[in-house]
Amino acid sequence: MGTSIDIYTAHFGLTERPFSLVPDPDFLFWSAPHKRAYGMLEYGLVTRAPITLVTGEVGAGKTTLLHHMLRTVESDVRIGLISNAHGDRGELLRWVLLALGQPAAPQETYVDLFGRFQQYLIAEYAAGRRVILVFDEAQNLSRESLEELRMFTNINSGKDELLQLVLVGQPELRDMVRRPDLLQFAQRVAAAVHLPAMDAAMVRAYIRHRLEVAGGAGDIFAPSAADMVYEATGGVPRLVNQLCDLCLVYAYTKEHRRVLRLTVQQVLDDGVFFSARPLDATLPPLRSVPIARTS
């Protein structure tokens, strides 16, 4: 498959794969919802919001947006990125310290870890730097973990808060935060935005955009082909990428220079596109388809 991918990029005049499933900020498509989401993300950071919430369906582009933010932060910001944190509050604190480049030995107690964390925040504040913790896949955090994060935001120096949190996750994260027993947490959320799936027009523009960023012509996909991609994926970017990549392989094997609606239909009919998109009455029916980083 690796050889075929290399050949199809040359076949279509592309410099790289336009529809890779790996989040890549260089390919970020600034749809209206993405612009709003990024605007709210910036708003939360600039206003020093205690907690900023970004939610969206699986594959909606949340992580790509997040990585774009990580590339653009100022040098006076320290960022700890935590993905799929789990465990009790002591384990959560270990994840946080490791993400910030701080030691967290297994034998240390919670009191030891919390003391180091607090001293780190105070030292960064004294040096004129902000600390932001970003939790990706935050819907996997337990109620106890969310309450622990709220307690983190209470660490302050006079009137100034020393820590900001950005929680990125699937829609159920919003439902969790709205629970009555998390009212105090919800009251700390100063900025929140939801990334919806794309509509048909956005999918056409998205496909064109990624093809052009990859060095190719934007019209490799016929409009009718792009519309069928939307019908089969419901406009979820990750699924659009997966299906479009397969379509390019199919078109290449047939020595076609464009992806037509028939190409998309053949991919769907052959059952090689496995969509994990949940059935939803509000979406078009499926076709025959089957870091830690410190700035």
C-alpha atoms as a PDB file:
ATOM      1  CA  MET A   1       0.000   0.000   0.000  1.00  0.00           C
ATOM      2  CA  GLY A   2       2.892   2.394   0.753  1.00  0.00           C
ATOM      3  CA  THR A   3       4.133   2.065  -2.855  1.00  0.00           C
ATOM      4  CA  SER A   4       0.635   2.654  -4.248  1.00  0.00           C
ATOM      5  CA  ILE A   5       0.269   5.801  -2.142  1.00  0.00           C
ATOM      6  CA  ASP A   6       3.559   7.173  -3.469  1.00  0.00           C
ATOM      7  CA  ILE A   7       2.479   6.408  -7.026  1.00  0.00           C
ATOM      8  CA  TYR A   8      -0.939   7.992  -6.701  1.00  0.00           C
ATOM      9  CA  THR A   9       0.515  11.245  -5.374  1.00  0.00           C
ATOM     10  CA  ALA A  10       2.680  11.537  -8.498  1.00  0.00           C
ATOM     11  CA  HIS A  11      -0.244  10.434 -10.691  1.00  0.00           C
ATOM     12  CA  PHE A  12      -2.379  13.351  -9.478  1.00  0.00           C
ATOM     13  CA  GLY A  13       0.476  15.861  -9.316  1.00  0.00           C
ATOM     14  CA  LEU A  14       0.468  15.916  -5.514  1.00  0.00           C
ATOM     15  CA  THR A  15       3.478  16.494  -3.290  1.00  0.00           C
ATOM     16  CA  GLU A  16       2.006  14.517  -0.379  1.00  0.00           C
ATOM     17  CA  ARG A  17      -1.100  12.624   0.657  1.00  0.00           C
ATOM     18  CA  PRO A  18      -3.898  15.177   1.019  1.00  0.00           C
ATOM     19  CA  PHE A  19      -6.155  13.003   3.169  1.00  0.00           C
ATOM     20  CA  SER A  20      -3.940  11.510   5.843  1.00  0.00           C
ATOM     21  CA  LEU A  21      -5.743  10.527   9.056  1.00  0.00           C
ATOM     22  CA  VAL A  22      -2.960  12.017  11.201  1.00  0.00           C
ATOM     23  CA  PRO A  23      -3.934  15.475  12.568  1.00  0.00           C
ATOM     24  CA  ASP A  24      -1.865  18.052  10.674  1.00  0.00           C
ATOM     25  CA  PRO A  25      -2.210  21.789  11.383  1.00  0.00           C
ATOM     26  CA  ASP A  26      -0.812  22.567   7.916  1.00  0.00           C
ATOM     27  CA  PHE A  27      -4.020  21.149   6.427  1.00  0.00           C
ATOM     28  CA  LEU A  28      -6.378  22.889   8.829  1.00  0.00           C
ATOM     29  CA  PHE A  29      -9.524  23.909   6.959  1.00  0.00           C
ATOM     30  CA  TRP A  30     -10.908  27.152   8.337  1.00  0.00           C
ATOM     31  CA  SER A  31     -14.614  26.518   8.027  1.00  0.00           C
ATOM     32  CA  ALA A  32     -16.910  28.972   9.786  1.00  0.00           C
ATOM     33  CA  PRO A  33     -17.360  26.605  12.777  1.00  0.00           C
ATOM     34  CA  HIS A  34     -13.585  26.097  13.025  1.00  0.00           C
ATOM     35  CA  LYS A  35     -13.020  29.849  12.978  1.00  0.00           C
ATOM     36  CA  ARG A  36     -15.578  30.287  15.742  1.00  0.00           C
ATOM     37  CA  ALA A  37     -14.031  27.461  17.760  1.00  0.00           C
ATOM     38  CA  TYR A  38     -10.542  28.882  17.420  1.00  0.00           C
ATOM     39  CA  GLY A  39     -11.809  32.349  18.246  1.00  0.00           C
ATOM     40  CA  MET A  40     -13.325  31.045  21.474  1.00  0.00           C
ATOM     41  CA  LEU A  41     -10.130  29.152  22.239  1.00  0.00           C
ATOM     42  CA  GLU A  42      -8.113  32.347  21.813  1.00  0.00           C
ATOM     43  CA  TYR A  43     -10.686  34.274  23.839  1.00  0.00           C
ATOM     44  CA  GLY A  44     -10.332  31.820  26.700  1.00  0.00           C
ATOM     45  CA  LEU A  45      -6.543  32.036  26.659  1.00  0.00           C
ATOM     46  CA  VAL A  46      -6.318  35.827  26.314  1.00  0.00           C
ATOM     47  CA  THR A  47      -8.888  36.515  29.025  1.00  0.00           C
ATOM     48  CA  ARG A  48      -7.261  33.904  31.261  1.00  0.00           C
ATOM     49  CA  ALA A  49     -10.468  31.929  31.557  1.00  0.00           C
ATOM     50  CA  PRO A  50     -10.120  29.320  34.320  1.00  0.00           C
ATOM     51  CA  ILE A  51     -11.629  26.599  32.094  1.00  0.00           C
ATOM     52  CA  THR A  52     -12.228  26.545  28.346  1.00  0.00           C
ATOM     53  CA  LEU A  53     -14.292  23.750  26.807  1.00  0.00           C
ATOM     54  CA  VAL A  54     -14.018  22.559  23.176  1.00  0.00           C
ATOM     55  CA  THR A  55     -16.283  19.698  22.108  1.00  0.00           C
ATOM     56  CA  GLY A  56     -17.149  17.974  18.855  1.00  0.00           C
ATOM     57  CA  GLU A  57     -17.970  14.632  17.307  1.00  0.00           C
ATOM     58  CA  VAL A  58     -15.260  12.028  16.751  1.00  0.00           C
ATOM     59  CA  GLY A  59     -13.092  13.207  13.864  1.00  0.00           C
ATOM     60  CA  ALA A  60     -14.547  16.732  13.757  1.00  0.00           C
ATOM     61  CA  GLY A  61     -11.089  18.325  13.822  1.00  0.00           C
ATOM     62  CA  LYS A  62     -10.688  19.140  17.520  1.00  0.00           C
ATOM     63  CA  THR A  63      -7.168  17.737  17.837  1.00  0.00           C
ATOM     64  CA  THR A  64      -6.004  19.439  14.641  1.00  0.00           C
ATOM     65  CA  LEU A  65      -7.318  22.749  15.988  1.00  0.00           C
ATOM     66  CA  LEU A  66      -5.565  22.062  19.250  1.00  0.00           C
ATOM     67  CA  HIS A  67      -2.215  21.380  17.587  1.00  0.00           C
ATOM     68  CA  HIS A  68      -2.556  24.609  15.609  1.00  0.00           C
ATOM     69  CA  MET A  69      -3.008  26.467  18.881  1.00  0.00           C
ATOM     70  CA  LEU A  70       0.070  24.775  20.352  1.00  0.00           C
ATOM     71  CA  ARG A  71       2.161  26.008  17.426  1.00  0.00           C
ATOM     72  CA  THR A  72       1.062  29.615  17.836  1.00  0.00           C
ATOM     73  CA  VAL A  73       1.308  30.249  21.587  1.00  0.00           C
ATOM     74  CA  GLU A  74       3.697  32.912  22.842  1.00  0.00           C
ATOM     75  CA  SER A  75       7.010  32.097  24.506  1.00  0.00           C
ATOM     76  CA  ASP A  76       5.709  33.285  27.885  1.00  0.00           C
ATOM     77  CA  VAL A  77       3.263  30.382  28.070  1.00  0.00           C
ATOM     78  CA  ARG A  78       4.001  26.932  29.475  1.00  0.00           C
ATOM     79  CA  ILE A  79       1.715  24.248  28.087  1.00  0.00           C
ATOM     80  CA  GLY A  80       1.203  20.738  29.361  1.00  0.00           C
ATOM     81  CA  LEU A  81      -0.685  18.449  26.976  1.00  0.00           C
ATOM     82  CA  ILE A  82      -2.353  15.429  28.548  1.00  0.00           C
ATOM     83  CA  SER A  83      -4.100  12.821  26.395  1.00  0.00           C
ATOM     84  CA  ASN A  84      -6.308  10.084  27.814  1.00  0.00           C
ATOM     85  CA  ALA A  85      -5.458  10.724  31.454  1.00  0.00           C
ATOM     86  CA  HIS A  86      -6.894   8.087  33.757  1.00  0.00           C
ATOM     87  CA  GLY A  87      -6.650   6.824  37.329  1.00  0.00           C
ATOM     88  CA  ASP A  88      -7.354   8.413  40.699  1.00  0.00           C
ATOM     89  CA  ARG A  89      -6.505  11.978  41.662  1.00  0.00           C
ATOM     90  CA  GLY A  90      -2.922  11.017  42.478  1.00  0.00           C
ATOM     91  CA  GLU A  91      -2.457   9.509  39.034  1.00  0.00           C
ATOM     92  CA  LEU A  92      -4.025  12.574  37.426  1.00  0.00           C
ATOM     93  CA  LEU A  93      -1.531  14.784  39.221  1.00  0.00           C
ATOM     94  CA  ARG A  94       1.324  12.570  37.994  1.00  0.00           C
ATOM     95  CA  TRP A  95       0.113  12.954  34.403  1.00  0.00           C
ATOM     96  CA  VAL A  96      -0.003  16.718  34.887  1.00  0.00           C
ATOM     97  CA  LEU A  97       3.496  16.984  36.365  1.00  0.00           C
ATOM     98  CA  LEU A  98       5.017  14.770  33.676  1.00  0.00           C
ATOM     99  CA  ALA A  99       3.302  16.862  30.965  1.00  0.00           C
ATOM    100  CA  LEU A 100       4.971  19.934  32.472  1.00  0.00           C
ATOM    101  CA  GLY A 101       8.366  18.241  32.518  1.00  0.00           C
ATOM    102  CA  GLN A 102       8.378  17.827  36.302  1.00  0.00           C
ATOM    103  CA  PRO A 103       9.392  14.688  38.231  1.00  0.00           C
ATOM    104  CA  ALA A 104       6.666  12.480  39.703  1.00  0.00           C
ATOM    105  CA  ALA A 105       8.169   9.407  41.322  1.00  0.00           C
ATOM    106  CA  PRO A 106       5.815   6.441  41.986  1.00  0.00           C
ATOM    107  CA  GLN A 107       6.661   6.389  45.707  1.00  0.00           C
ATOM    108  CA  GLU A 108       5.773  10.052  46.252  1.00  0.00           C
ATOM    109  CA  THR A 109       2.558  10.824  48.096  1.00  0.00           C
ATOM    110  CA  TYR A 110      -0.246  13.030  46.828  1.00  0.00           C
ATOM    111  CA  VAL A 111       0.872  15.733  49.262  1.00  0.00           C
ATOM    112  CA  ASP A 112       4.404  15.613  47.809  1.00  0.00           C
ATOM    113  CA  LEU A 113       3.122  15.838  44.245  1.00  0.00           C
ATOM    114  CA  PHE A 114       0.663  18.635  44.970  1.00  0.00           C
ATOM    115  CA  GLY A 115       3.311  20.627  46.789  1.00  0.00           C
ATOM    116  CA  ARG A 116       5.647  20.386  43.801  1.00  0.00           C
ATOM    117  CA  PHE A 117       2.833  21.332  41.422  1.00  0.00           C
ATOM    118  CA  GLN A 118       1.921  24.392  43.467  1.00  0.00           C
ATOM    119  CA  GLN A 119       5.534  25.516  43.738  1.00  0.00           C
ATOM    120  CA  TYR A 120       5.945  25.098  39.971  1.00  0.00           C
ATOM    121  CA  LEU A 121       2.923  27.324  39.294  1.00  0.00           C
ATOM    122  CA  ILE A 122       4.185  29.974  41.700  1.00  0.00           C
ATOM    123  CA  ALA A 123       7.695  29.915  40.179  1.00  0.00           C
ATOM    124  CA  GLU A 124       6.319  30.271  36.639  1.00  0.00           C
ATOM    125  CA  TYR A 125       4.080  33.133  37.728  1.00  0.00           C
ATOM    126  CA  ALA A 126       7.028  34.878  39.387  1.00  0.00           C
ATOM    127  CA  ALA A 127       8.960  34.532  36.127  1.00  0.00           C
ATOM    128  CA  GLY A 128       6.107  36.195  34.213  1.00  0.00           C
ATOM    129  CA  ARG A 129       4.868  33.024  32.538  1.00  0.00           C
ATOM    130  CA  ARG A 130       1.385  31.493  32.335  1.00  0.00           C
ATOM    131  CA  VAL A 131       0.686  27.781  32.692  1.00  0.00           C
ATOM    132  CA  ILE A 132      -2.005  26.115  30.603  1.00  0.00           C
ATOM    133  CA  LEU A 133      -3.011  22.477  30.918  1.00  0.00           C
ATOM    134  CA  VAL A 134      -4.689  21.007  27.851  1.00  0.00           C
ATOM    135  CA  PHE A 135      -6.642  17.762  28.245  1.00  0.00           C
ATOM    136  CA  ASP A 136      -7.421  15.949  25.009  1.00  0.00           C
ATOM    137  CA  GLU A 137     -10.104  13.216  25.030  1.00  0.00           C
ATOM    138  CA  ALA A 138     -11.365  14.840  28.224  1.00  0.00           C
ATOM    139  CA  GLN A 139     -14.664  12.957  28.050  1.00  0.00           C
ATOM    140  CA  ASN A 140     -12.728  10.040  29.575  1.00  0.00           C
ATOM    141  CA  LEU A 141     -12.081  11.954  32.785  1.00  0.00           C
ATOM    142  CA  SER A 142     -14.108  10.805  35.792  1.00  0.00           C
ATOM    143  CA  ARG A 143     -16.278  13.068  37.900  1.00  0.00           C
ATOM    144  CA  GLU A 144     -13.618  12.917  40.617  1.00  0.00           C
ATOM    145  CA  SER A 145     -10.938  13.981  38.122  1.00  0.00           C
ATOM    146  CA  LEU A 146     -13.001  16.945  36.951  1.00  0.00           C
ATOM    147  CA  GLU A 147     -13.538  18.024  40.538  1.00  0.00           C
ATOM    148  CA  GLU A 148      -9.776  17.724  41.112  1.00  0.00           C
ATOM    149  CA  LEU A 149      -9.141  19.954  38.104  1.00  0.00           C
ATOM    150  CA  ARG A 150     -11.523  22.538  39.527  1.00  0.00           C
ATOM    151  CA  MET A 151      -9.505  22.501  42.726  1.00  0.00           C
ATOM    152  CA  PHE A 152      -6.355  23.140  40.675  1.00  0.00           C
ATOM    153  CA  THR A 153      -7.873  26.383  39.402  1.00  0.00           C
ATOM    154  CA  ASN A 154      -8.221  27.600  42.984  1.00  0.00           C
ATOM    155  CA  ILE A 155      -4.450  27.898  43.288  1.00  0.00           C
ATOM    156  CA  ASN A 156      -3.804  31.612  43.058  1.00  0.00           C
ATOM    157  CA  SER A 157      -1.511  34.464  44.014  1.00  0.00           C
ATOM    158  CA  GLY A 158      -3.629  37.216  45.439  1.00  0.00           C
ATOM    159  CA  LYS A 159      -6.214  38.046  42.791  1.00  0.00           C
ATOM    160  CA  ASP A 160      -4.305  36.338  39.969  1.00  0.00           C
ATOM    161  CA  GLU A 161      -5.010  32.738  38.987  1.00  0.00           C
ATOM    162  CA  LEU A 162      -1.915  30.740  38.193  1.00  0.00           C
ATOM    163  CA  LEU A 163      -3.432  28.066  35.970  1.00  0.00           C
ATOM    164  CA  GLN A 164      -5.758  27.761  32.993  1.00  0.00           C
ATOM    165  CA  LEU A 165      -7.392  24.574  31.767  1.00  0.00           C
ATOM    166  CA  VAL A 166      -8.484  23.679  28.242  1.00  0.00           C
ATOM    167  CA  LEU A 167     -10.643  20.563  27.981  1.00  0.00           C
ATOM    168  CA  VAL A 168     -11.157  19.040  24.544  1.00  0.00           C
ATOM    169  CA  GLY A 169     -13.530  16.128  24.074  1.00  0.00           C
ATOM    170  CA  GLN A 170     -16.563  14.504  22.546  1.00  0.00           C
ATOM    171  CA  PRO A 171     -20.118  15.860  23.060  1.00  0.00           C
ATOM    172  CA  GLU A 172     -20.682  13.771  26.191  1.00  0.00           C
ATOM    173  CA  LEU A 173     -18.130  16.000  27.928  1.00  0.00           C
ATOM    174  CA  ARG A 174     -20.700  18.799  27.870  1.00  0.00           C
ATOM    175  CA  ASP A 175     -23.307  16.487  29.349  1.00  0.00           C
ATOM    176  CA  MET A 176     -20.908  15.552  32.146  1.00  0.00           C
ATOM    177  CA  VAL A 177     -20.148  19.172  32.990  1.00  0.00           C
ATOM    178  CA  ARG A 178     -23.869  19.994  33.146  1.00  0.00           C
ATOM    179  CA  ARG A 179     -24.528  17.411  35.849  1.00  0.00           C
ATOM    180  CA  PRO A 180     -25.918  18.922  39.070  1.00  0.00           C
ATOM    181  CA  ASP A 181     -23.032  17.504  41.126  1.00  0.00           C
ATOM    182  CA  LEU A 182     -20.533  19.372  38.910  1.00  0.00           C
ATOM    183  CA  LEU A 183     -22.196  22.775  39.230  1.00  0.00           C
ATOM    184  CA  GLN A 184     -19.093  24.361  40.751  1.00  0.00           C
ATOM    185  CA  PHE A 185     -16.986  23.060  37.858  1.00  0.00           C
ATOM    186  CA  ALA A 186     -19.471  24.392  35.294  1.00  0.00           C
ATOM    187  CA  GLN A 187     -19.362  27.811  36.926  1.00  0.00           C
ATOM    188  CA  ARG A 188     -15.623  27.959  36.213  1.00  0.00           C
ATOM    189  CA  VAL A 189     -16.141  27.366  32.472  1.00  0.00           C
ATOM    190  CA  ALA A 190     -15.745  30.847  30.977  1.00  0.00           C
ATOM    191  CA  ALA A 191     -15.571  29.857  27.293  1.00  0.00           C
ATOM    192  CA  ALA A 192     -17.132  26.912  25.483  1.00  0.00           C
ATOM    193  CA  VAL A 193     -17.593  25.985  21.842  1.00  0.00           C
ATOM    194  CA  HIS A 194     -18.858  22.962  19.913  1.00  0.00           C
ATOM    195  CA  LEU A 195     -17.534  21.789  16.528  1.00  0.00           C
ATOM    196  CA  PRO A 196     -20.334  20.332  14.375  1.00  0.00           C
ATOM    197  CA  ALA A 197     -19.909  18.139  11.314  1.00  0.00           C
ATOM    198  CA  MET A 198     -19.592  19.903   7.938  1.00  0.00           C
ATOM    199  CA  ASP A 199     -22.472  20.421   5.538  1.00  0.00           C
ATOM    200  CA  ALA A 200     -22.301  19.460   1.844  1.00  0.00           C
ATOM    201  CA  ALA A 201     -20.904  22.813   0.683  1.00  0.00           C
ATOM    202  CA  MET A 202     -18.217  22.709   3.365  1.00  0.00           C
ATOM    203  CA  VAL A 203     -17.212  19.176   2.359  1.00  0.00           C
ATOM    204  CA  ARG A 204     -16.714  20.306  -1.252  1.00  0.00           C
ATOM    205  CA  ALA A 205     -14.592  23.242  -0.087  1.00  0.00           C
ATOM    206  CA  TYR A 206     -12.718  21.027   2.390  1.00  0.00           C
ATOM    207  CA  ILE A 207     -11.758  18.489  -0.294  1.00  0.00           C
ATOM    208  CA  ARG A 208     -10.612  21.249  -2.640  1.00  0.00           C
ATOM    209  CA  HIS A 209      -8.604  22.900   0.129  1.00  0.00           C
ATOM    210  CA  ARG A 210      -6.713  19.744   1.099  1.00  0.00           C
ATOM    211  CA  LEU A 211      -5.925  18.890  -2.513  1.00  0.00           C
ATOM    212  CA  GLU A 212      -4.517  22.372  -3.104  1.00  0.00           C
ATOM    213  CA  VAL A 213      -2.443  22.327   0.116  1.00  0.00           C
ATOM    214  CA  ALA A 214      -0.989  19.006  -1.092  1.00  0.00           C
ATOM    215  CA  GLY A 215       0.118  20.725  -4.302  1.00  0.00           C
ATOM    216  CA  GLY A 216      -2.604  19.431  -6.612  1.00  0.00           C
ATOM    217  CA  ALA A 217      -5.555  20.757  -8.547  1.00  0.00           C
ATOM    218  CA  GLY A 218      -8.630  21.476  -6.475  1.00  0.00           C
ATOM    219  CA  ASP A 219     -10.969  19.898  -9.013  1.00  0.00           C
ATOM    220  CA  ILE A 220      -9.590  16.331  -8.851  1.00  0.00           C
ATOM    221  CA  PHE A 221     -12.888  15.383  -7.194  1.00  0.00           C
ATOM    222  CA  ALA A 222     -15.917  16.061  -9.379  1.00  0.00           C
ATOM    223  CA  PRO A 223     -18.644  18.011  -7.508  1.00  0.00           C
ATOM    224  CA  SER A 224     -20.979  15.005  -7.690  1.00  0.00           C
ATOM    225  CA  ALA A 225     -18.225  12.813  -6.194  1.00  0.00           C
ATOM    226  CA  ALA A 226     -17.711  15.258  -3.331  1.00  0.00           C
ATOM    227  CA  ASP A 227     -21.452  15.272  -2.690  1.00  0.00           C
ATOM    228  CA  MET A 228     -21.483  11.482  -2.448  1.00  0.00           C
ATOM    229  CA  VAL A 229     -18.560  11.655  -0.015  1.00  0.00           C
ATOM    230  CA  TYR A 230     -20.683  13.948   2.140  1.00  0.00           C
ATOM    231  CA  GLU A 231     -23.661  11.584   1.938  1.00  0.00           C
ATOM    232  CA  ALA A 232     -21.542   8.631   3.040  1.00  0.00           C
ATOM    233  CA  THR A 233     -19.686  10.397   5.860  1.00  0.00           C
ATOM    234  CA  GLY A 234     -22.174  12.902   7.251  1.00  0.00           C
ATOM    235  CA  GLY A 235     -19.479  15.579   6.919  1.00  0.00           C
ATOM    236  CA  VAL A 236     -17.181  14.227   9.645  1.00  0.00           C
ATOM    237  CA  PRO A 237     -13.661  15.306   8.558  1.00  0.00           C
ATOM    238  CA  ARG A 238     -11.881  12.110   9.623  1.00  0.00           C
ATOM    239  CA  LEU A 239     -14.347   9.980   7.653  1.00  0.00           C
ATOM    240  CA  VAL A 240     -14.102  12.338   4.683  1.00  0.00           C
ATOM    241  CA  ASN A 241     -10.321  11.872   4.736  1.00  0.00           C
ATOM    242  CA  GLN A 242     -10.600   8.110   4.905  1.00  0.00           C
ATOM    243  CA  LEU A 243     -13.063   7.838   2.035  1.00  0.00           C
ATOM    244  CA  CYS A 244     -11.283  10.379  -0.184  1.00  0.00           C
ATOM    245  CA  ASP A 245      -7.953   8.596   0.271  1.00  0.00           C
ATOM    246  CA  LEU A 246      -9.525   5.325  -0.881  1.00  0.00           C
ATOM    247  CA  CYS A 247     -11.127   7.086  -3.846  1.00  0.00           C
ATOM    248  CA  LEU A 248      -7.751   8.384  -4.993  1.00  0.00           C
ATOM    249  CA  VAL A 249      -6.323   4.866  -4.823  1.00  0.00           C
ATOM    250  CA  TYR A 250      -9.247   3.537  -6.892  1.00  0.00           C
ATOM    251  CA  ALA A 251      -8.952   6.320  -9.473  1.00  0.00           C
ATOM    252  CA  TYR A 252      -5.211   5.718  -9.760  1.00  0.00           C
ATOM    253  CA  THR A 253      -5.627   1.981 -10.344  1.00  0.00           C
ATOM    254  CA  LYS A 254      -8.018   2.783 -13.203  1.00  0.00           C
ATOM    255  CA  GLU A 255      -5.644   5.443 -14.550  1.00  0.00           C
ATOM    256  CA  HIS A 256      -8.301   8.130 -14.139  1.00  0.00           C
ATOM    257  CA  ARG A 257      -7.185  11.714 -13.566  1.00  0.00           C
ATOM    258  CA  ARG A 258     -10.334  12.652 -11.640  1.00  0.00           C
ATOM    259  CA  VAL A 259     -12.474  11.062  -8.987  1.00  0.00           C
ATOM    260  CA  LEU A 260     -16.020  10.702 -10.282  1.00  0.00           C
ATOM    261  CA  ARG A 261     -19.226   9.824  -8.478  1.00  0.00           C
ATOM    262  CA  LEU A 262     -18.883   6.328  -9.924  1.00  0.00           C
ATOM    263  CA  THR A 263     -15.463   6.033  -8.259  1.00  0.00           C
ATOM    264  CA  VAL A 264     -16.932   6.816  -4.858  1.00  0.00           C
ATOM    265  CA  GLN A 265     -19.783   4.383  -5.463  1.00  0.00           C
ATOM    266  CA  GLN A 266     -17.333   1.602  -6.320  1.00  0.00           C
ATOM    267  CA  VAL A 267     -15.392   2.183  -3.097  1.00  0.00           C
ATOM    268  CA  LEU A 268     -18.633   1.990  -1.121  1.00  0.00           C
ATOM    269  CA  ASP A 269     -19.938  -1.041  -2.997  1.00  0.00           C
ATOM    270  CA  ASP A 270     -16.683  -2.936  -2.456  1.00  0.00           C
ATOM    271  CA  GLY A 271     -17.030  -2.481   1.295  1.00  0.00           C
ATOM    272  CA  VAL A 272     -13.488  -1.194   1.867  1.00  0.00           C
ATOM    273  CA  PHE A 273     -14.696   1.955   3.629  1.00  0.00           C
ATOM    274  CA  PHE A 274     -15.582   1.114   7.218  1.00  0.00           C
ATOM    275  CA  SER A 275     -17.398   4.030   8.798  1.00  0.00           C
ATOM    276  CA  ALA A 276     -17.556   4.210  12.565  1.00  0.00           C
ATOM    277  CA  ARG A 277     -20.104   7.024  12.358  1.00  0.00           C
ATOM    278  CA  PRO A 278     -23.100   6.241  14.587  1.00  0.00           C
ATOM    279  CA  LEU A 279     -26.464   6.083  12.905  1.00  0.00           C
ATOM    280  CA  ASP A 280     -28.390   9.272  13.559  1.00  0.00           C
ATOM    281  CA  ALA A 281     -31.765  10.241  12.171  1.00  0.00           C
ATOM    282  CA  THR A 282     -30.545  13.781  11.599  1.00  0.00           C
ATOM    283  CA  LEU A 283     -27.751  12.644   9.270  1.00  0.00           C
ATOM    284  CA  PRO A 284     -27.957  11.210   5.754  1.00  0.00           C
ATOM    285  CA  PRO A 285     -28.112   7.397   5.735  1.00  0.00           C
ATOM    286  CA  LEU A 286     -24.905   5.535   5.102  1.00  0.00           C
ATOM    287  CA  ARG A 287     -24.406   4.062   1.666  1.00  0.00           C
ATOM    288  CA  SER A 288     -23.387   0.443   1.251  1.00  0.00           C
ATOM    289  CA  VAL A 289     -20.484   0.830   3.627  1.00  0.00           C
ATOM    290  CA  PRO A 290     -19.378  -1.122   5.913  1.00  0.00           C
ATOM    291  CA  ILE A 291       2.351  14.959  23.542  1.00  0.00           C
ATOM    292  CA  ALA A 292       3.492  15.593  26.526  1.00  0.00           C
ATOM    293  CA  ARG A 293       4.727  18.998  25.527  1.00  0.00           C
ATOM    294  CA  THR A 294       6.147  21.965  27.351  1.00  0.00           C
ATOM    295  CA  SER A 295       6.386  25.214  25.410  1.00  0.00           C
END
